Amino acid sequence: MRQNPLMMFLRIVVFAIAVFVLNFPLIATLLTSFKSDAEISANPALWIDQPTLANYAGILAIRDRFDIFHYLGNSVFAAGVGAVLATLLAFPAAYAIVRHEVGERWLLPMVTNLRAIPLIIFSIPIYLVYQQLHLLDTKIGLALILCLVNLPLVLALIVNGIRSLPIEVEEAARVDGANTFAILTRIVLPMALPAIASSLILAFIYSWNEFLFGLILTTQNAVPMTVGASFFFSASGGGVQWGIASAVMIISTLPPLLISLVAYRYIGRSLAAGAVKG
């Protein structure tokens, strides 16, 4: 059926307005990053009279005090390791919950509901434990807490993905003599790969954006990008340099933004998996 041209135009207009409104902070920050300090003061509007890359060059000029590449490296390591660990822990747990009903009634709701509790509640006990274990201001310590923070989300997504898989394939393999480990690794893992990959990507994005524990548990060696970016608001010591601060904000958002743009359809299909089963 042919769509009404007017309705199609209205949909495009509404979509464009929604995209602009939802992304207004990002757009404003991006444009500010290409303005000089003088233009930022004289022209706060959403256009640029004389574009400049001076703010991005300014980030490199103060690397001796605020090394953005150090913060980026810390975030890549901590977010990557945290996401991988969360996925490795969640996959066998999700299989046990779905196929063997281990903790399906109490463990899964309890773990997933932890994500709804404000993380600040856990900050003091975690800090004290990290202090005793000498994990403060370490990249592996930050990675471990990011793993725990994202474990409820990853577990829920993989459980949803495994529930959408046909159990008949596993039953046939068991009749042929395959044990649980072989079924898990050779049958379930390949079929659940879309859900696992999506969980891994989302865990990495959420780990990258985590600010609270990065602020509490790190001071210098393991400072992540989210915390390090805030240092640039006073990098000059003479007030906020909005141009440099905006450039840092843009750089800090690039990794999760690019991953989201590349994988959004993949993630969307995984989130919908199991919703229409039956």
Protein backbone atom coordinates (compact mmCIF):
# COMPACT_ATOMS: atom_id res chain seq x y z
CA MET A 1 0.00 0.00 0.00
CA ARG A 2 1.39 3.36 -1.05
CA GLN A 3 1.99 5.77 1.80
CA ASN A 4 0.55 9.25 1.83
CA PRO A 5 3.36 11.69 0.86
CA LEU A 6 2.13 14.20 3.44
CA MET A 7 2.18 11.63 6.24
CA MET A 8 5.65 10.52 5.20
CA PHE A 9 6.87 14.13 5.24
CA LEU A 10 5.36 14.71 8.68
CA ARG A 11 7.03 11.58 10.00
CA ILE A 12 10.39 12.76 8.71
CA VAL A 13 9.88 16.19 10.29
CA VAL A 14 8.88 14.72 13.65
CA PHE A 15 11.83 12.30 13.51
CA ALA A 16 14.26 15.12 12.65
CA ILE A 17 12.95 17.26 15.52
CA ALA A 18 13.22 14.36 17.96
CA VAL A 19 16.78 13.60 16.85
CA PHE A 20 17.77 17.25 17.22
CA VAL A 21 16.21 17.63 20.68
CA LEU A 22 17.64 14.37 22.03
CA ASN A 23 21.09 15.12 20.64
CA PHE A 24 21.15 18.85 21.36
CA PRO A 25 23.79 18.61 24.13
CA LEU A 26 26.08 16.60 21.84
CA ILE A 27 25.53 18.97 18.91
CA ALA A 28 26.17 22.06 21.04
CA THR A 29 29.32 20.53 22.52
CA LEU A 30 30.60 19.51 19.08
CA LEU A 31 30.11 23.00 17.65
CA THR A 32 31.69 24.62 20.71
CA SER A 33 34.77 22.45 20.29
CA PHE A 34 35.45 24.13 16.93
CA LYS A 35 35.14 27.69 18.24
CA SER A 36 37.86 29.91 19.63
CA ASP A 37 37.55 31.25 23.17
CA ALA A 38 36.70 34.69 21.81
CA GLU A 39 33.93 33.33 19.59
CA ILE A 40 32.52 31.21 22.39
CA SER A 41 32.09 34.37 24.47
CA ALA A 42 30.70 36.46 21.61
CA ASN A 43 28.72 33.77 19.78
CA PRO A 44 27.05 31.11 21.94
CA ALA A 45 24.60 30.22 19.15
CA LEU A 46 24.60 27.01 17.10
CA TRP A 47 26.77 28.23 14.25
CA ILE A 48 30.46 28.83 13.73
CA ASP A 49 31.89 31.97 12.17
CA GLN A 50 35.52 30.86 12.05
CA PRO A 51 36.07 27.12 12.68
CA THR A 52 39.31 26.19 14.40
CA LEU A 53 41.13 23.07 15.57
CA ALA A 54 42.99 25.00 18.26
CA ASN A 55 41.03 23.35 21.05
CA TYR A 56 42.05 19.87 19.94
CA ALA A 57 45.66 21.05 19.62
CA GLY A 58 45.36 22.56 23.09
CA ILE A 59 44.59 19.12 24.53
CA LEU A 60 47.98 17.90 23.34
CA ALA A 61 49.69 21.03 24.65
CA ILE A 62 48.80 20.19 28.25
CA ARG A 63 49.59 16.45 28.11
CA ASP A 64 52.30 16.91 30.72
CA ARG A 65 49.57 17.72 33.27
CA PHE A 66 46.48 16.04 31.82
CA ASP A 67 47.28 13.14 29.51
CA ILE A 68 44.09 12.30 27.63
CA PHE A 69 45.65 9.20 26.08
CA HIS A 70 46.39 7.84 29.55
CA TYR A 71 42.75 8.25 30.52
CA LEU A 72 41.58 6.70 27.24
CA GLY A 73 43.86 3.71 27.75
CA ASN A 74 42.59 3.18 31.28
CA SER A 75 38.99 3.25 30.09
CA VAL A 76 39.64 0.86 27.20
CA PHE A 77 41.32 -1.65 29.53
CA ALA A 78 38.85 -1.39 32.41
CA ALA A 79 35.72 -1.32 30.24
CA GLY A 80 36.97 -4.11 28.00
CA VAL A 81 38.08 -6.44 30.80
CA GLY A 82 34.98 -5.66 32.86
CA ALA A 83 32.65 -6.39 29.94
CA VAL A 84 34.43 -9.65 29.05
CA LEU A 85 34.45 -10.88 32.67
CA ALA A 86 30.76 -10.07 33.10
CA THR A 87 29.92 -11.98 29.92
CA LEU A 88 32.04 -15.00 30.88
CA LEU A 89 30.35 -15.20 34.27
CA ALA A 90 26.84 -14.58 32.98
CA PHE A 91 26.79 -17.11 30.13
CA PRO A 92 27.03 -20.37 32.15
CA ALA A 93 24.85 -18.85 34.88
CA ALA A 94 22.18 -17.95 32.31
CA TYR A 95 22.24 -21.47 30.89
CA ALA A 96 21.84 -22.99 34.35
CA ILE A 97 18.94 -20.65 35.08
CA VAL A 98 17.08 -21.28 31.81
CA ARG A 99 17.69 -24.98 31.19
CA HIS A 100 18.11 -26.33 34.73
CA GLU A 101 16.01 -23.75 36.64
CA VAL A 102 18.85 -23.05 39.05
CA GLY A 103 17.83 -19.95 40.97
CA GLU A 104 15.24 -18.95 38.39
CA ARG A 105 12.74 -17.89 41.03
CA TRP A 106 15.08 -16.09 43.43
CA LEU A 107 18.60 -15.70 42.04
CA LEU A 108 17.71 -14.05 38.74
CA PRO A 109 15.24 -11.51 40.22
CA MET A 110 17.64 -10.74 43.06
CA VAL A 111 20.62 -10.15 40.75
CA THR A 112 18.72 -8.13 38.16
CA ASN A 113 17.02 -5.99 40.79
CA LEU A 114 20.41 -4.95 42.13
CA ARG A 115 20.79 -2.78 39.02
CA ALA A 116 17.87 -0.66 40.20
CA ILE A 117 19.57 0.21 43.51
CA PRO A 118 21.60 3.46 43.49
CA LEU A 119 25.27 2.53 43.21
CA ILE A 120 26.27 5.13 45.79
CA ILE A 121 24.94 2.77 48.48
CA PHE A 122 27.75 0.32 47.71
CA SER A 123 30.52 2.92 47.50
CA ILE A 124 31.69 2.91 51.15
CA PRO A 125 31.91 -0.89 51.67
CA ILE A 126 33.54 -1.36 48.26
CA TYR A 127 36.08 1.35 49.01
CA LEU A 128 36.96 -0.28 52.36
CA VAL A 129 37.31 -3.71 50.75
CA TYR A 130 39.48 -2.31 47.95
CA GLN A 131 41.63 -0.55 50.52
CA GLN A 132 42.27 -3.83 52.35
CA LEU A 133 43.01 -5.68 49.08
CA HIS A 134 45.28 -2.89 47.76
CA LEU A 135 43.11 -2.50 44.67
CA LEU A 136 42.61 1.25 44.94
CA ASP A 137 43.81 3.18 41.90
CA THR A 138 44.48 0.02 39.88
CA LYS A 139 43.13 -0.77 36.44
CA ILE A 140 42.28 -4.35 37.35
CA GLY A 141 40.40 -3.13 40.43
CA LEU A 142 38.36 -0.74 38.29
CA ALA A 143 37.70 -3.53 35.79
CA LEU A 144 36.43 -5.84 38.54
CA ILE A 145 33.93 -3.31 39.86
CA LEU A 146 32.74 -2.56 36.32
CA CYS A 147 32.19 -6.28 35.86
CA LEU A 148 30.01 -6.41 38.98
CA VAL A 149 28.08 -3.28 38.01
CA ASN A 150 27.16 -4.68 34.58
CA LEU A 151 26.64 -8.31 35.56
CA PRO A 152 22.87 -7.95 36.23
CA LEU A 153 22.26 -6.41 32.80
CA VAL A 154 24.41 -8.96 30.98
CA LEU A 155 22.79 -11.86 32.83
CA ALA A 156 19.29 -10.66 31.98
CA LEU A 157 20.14 -10.23 28.29
CA ILE A 158 21.79 -13.62 27.91
CA VAL A 159 18.97 -15.34 29.80
CA ASN A 160 16.54 -13.72 27.38
CA GLY A 161 18.65 -14.89 24.44
CA ILE A 162 18.98 -18.50 25.61
CA ARG A 163 15.24 -18.73 26.27
CA SER A 164 14.63 -17.99 22.58
CA LEU A 165 16.75 -20.97 21.46
CA PRO A 166 15.05 -24.24 20.50
CA ILE A 167 15.65 -26.85 23.18
CA GLU A 168 15.11 -29.70 20.70
CA VAL A 169 18.65 -29.30 19.34
CA GLU A 170 20.11 -29.73 22.82
CA GLU A 171 17.90 -32.74 23.53
CA ALA A 172 19.02 -34.41 20.31
CA ALA A 173 22.67 -33.83 21.22
CA ARG A 174 22.11 -35.28 24.67
CA VAL A 175 20.52 -38.38 23.15
CA ASP A 176 23.66 -38.74 21.01
CA GLY A 177 25.76 -38.80 24.17
CA ALA A 178 26.91 -35.19 24.49
CA ASN A 179 27.50 -34.02 28.04
CA THR A 180 26.44 -30.65 29.46
CA PHE A 181 29.79 -28.97 28.79
CA ALA A 182 29.79 -30.07 25.15
CA ILE A 183 26.21 -28.89 24.68
CA LEU A 184 27.02 -25.57 26.30
CA THR A 185 30.15 -24.87 24.26
CA ARG A 186 29.35 -26.51 20.90
CA ILE A 187 25.62 -25.93 20.56
CA VAL A 188 24.31 -23.23 22.88
CA LEU A 189 27.29 -20.89 22.53
CA PRO A 190 27.16 -20.59 18.70
CA MET A 191 23.37 -20.16 18.70
CA ALA A 192 23.44 -17.61 21.53
CA LEU A 193 26.30 -15.65 19.99
CA PRO A 194 24.11 -12.68 18.91
CA ALA A 195 22.82 -12.21 22.47
CA ILE A 196 26.31 -12.65 23.91
CA ALA A 197 27.84 -10.16 21.48
CA SER A 198 25.11 -7.62 22.18
CA SER A 199 25.56 -8.05 25.93
CA LEU A 200 29.30 -7.59 25.55
CA ILE A 201 28.84 -4.39 23.55
CA LEU A 202 26.31 -2.91 25.96
CA ALA A 203 28.46 -3.85 28.94
CA PHE A 204 31.43 -2.10 27.35
CA ILE A 205 29.39 1.05 26.67
CA TYR A 206 27.97 1.19 30.19
CA SER A 207 31.40 0.46 31.66
CA TRP A 208 32.89 3.27 29.61
CA ASN A 209 30.26 5.70 30.89
CA GLU A 210 30.62 4.72 34.56
CA PHE A 211 31.69 7.76 36.59
CA LEU A 212 30.95 7.10 40.26
CA PHE A 213 33.36 4.26 40.97
CA GLY A 214 35.99 5.76 38.69
CA LEU A 215 35.86 8.87 40.86
CA ILE A 216 35.87 6.99 44.18
CA LEU A 217 38.33 4.19 43.48
CA THR A 218 40.98 5.95 41.38
CA THR A 219 43.26 8.93 41.96
CA GLN A 220 46.03 8.93 39.35
CA ASN A 221 47.23 5.68 37.78
CA ALA A 222 43.85 4.20 36.81
CA VAL A 223 41.72 7.32 36.26
CA PRO A 224 39.17 6.56 33.49
CA MET A 225 38.18 8.91 30.71
CA THR A 226 34.91 9.95 32.35
CA VAL A 227 36.74 11.20 35.43
CA GLY A 228 39.79 12.51 33.57
CA ALA A 229 37.58 14.58 31.28
CA SER A 230 36.35 16.57 34.25
CA PHE A 231 39.93 17.66 35.00
CA PHE A 232 40.05 19.66 31.77
CA PHE A 233 37.44 22.08 33.05
CA SER A 234 40.20 23.69 35.08
CA ALA A 235 43.23 22.64 33.06
CA SER A 236 44.55 26.15 32.65
CA GLY A 237 44.22 27.06 36.32
CA GLY A 238 42.57 30.33 35.35
CA GLY A 239 38.99 29.28 34.88
CA VAL A 240 37.18 26.95 32.54
CA GLN A 241 38.40 26.79 28.95
CA TRP A 242 35.13 25.81 27.35
CA GLY A 243 36.65 25.11 23.96
CA ILE A 244 39.19 22.60 25.27
CA ALA A 245 36.64 21.11 27.66
CA SER A 246 34.20 20.63 24.77
CA ALA A 247 36.88 18.98 22.63
CA VAL A 248 37.67 16.57 25.46
CA MET A 249 33.99 15.76 25.87
CA ILE A 250 33.70 14.93 22.18
CA ILE A 251 36.77 12.69 22.23
CA SER A 252 35.50 10.90 25.33
CA THR A 253 32.17 10.09 23.66
CA LEU A 254 33.62 8.78 20.40
CA PRO A 255 34.32 5.12 21.39
CA PRO A 256 30.84 4.31 22.80
CA LEU A 257 29.16 6.46 20.15
CA LEU A 258 30.88 4.70 17.25
CA ILE A 259 30.20 1.28 18.75
CA SER A 260 26.52 2.18 19.21
CA LEU A 261 26.15 3.41 15.63
CA VAL A 262 27.77 0.29 14.20
CA ALA A 263 25.95 -2.24 16.37
CA TYR A 264 22.55 -0.64 17.08
CA ARG A 265 20.59 -2.99 14.78
CA TYR A 266 22.43 -5.98 16.14
CA ILE A 267 21.68 -4.92 19.70
CA GLY A 268 18.04 -4.19 18.88
CA ARG A 269 17.47 -7.70 17.48
CA SER A 270 19.08 -9.23 20.55
CA LEU A 271 16.96 -7.19 22.97
CA ALA A 272 13.83 -8.37 21.14
CA ALA A 273 14.94 -12.02 21.17
CA GLY A 274 12.58 -14.21 23.13
CA ALA A 275 9.87 -11.55 23.26
CA VAL A 276 7.87 -13.22 20.50
CA LYS A 277 8.79 -16.81 21.23
CA GLY A 278 5.97 -19.25 21.76
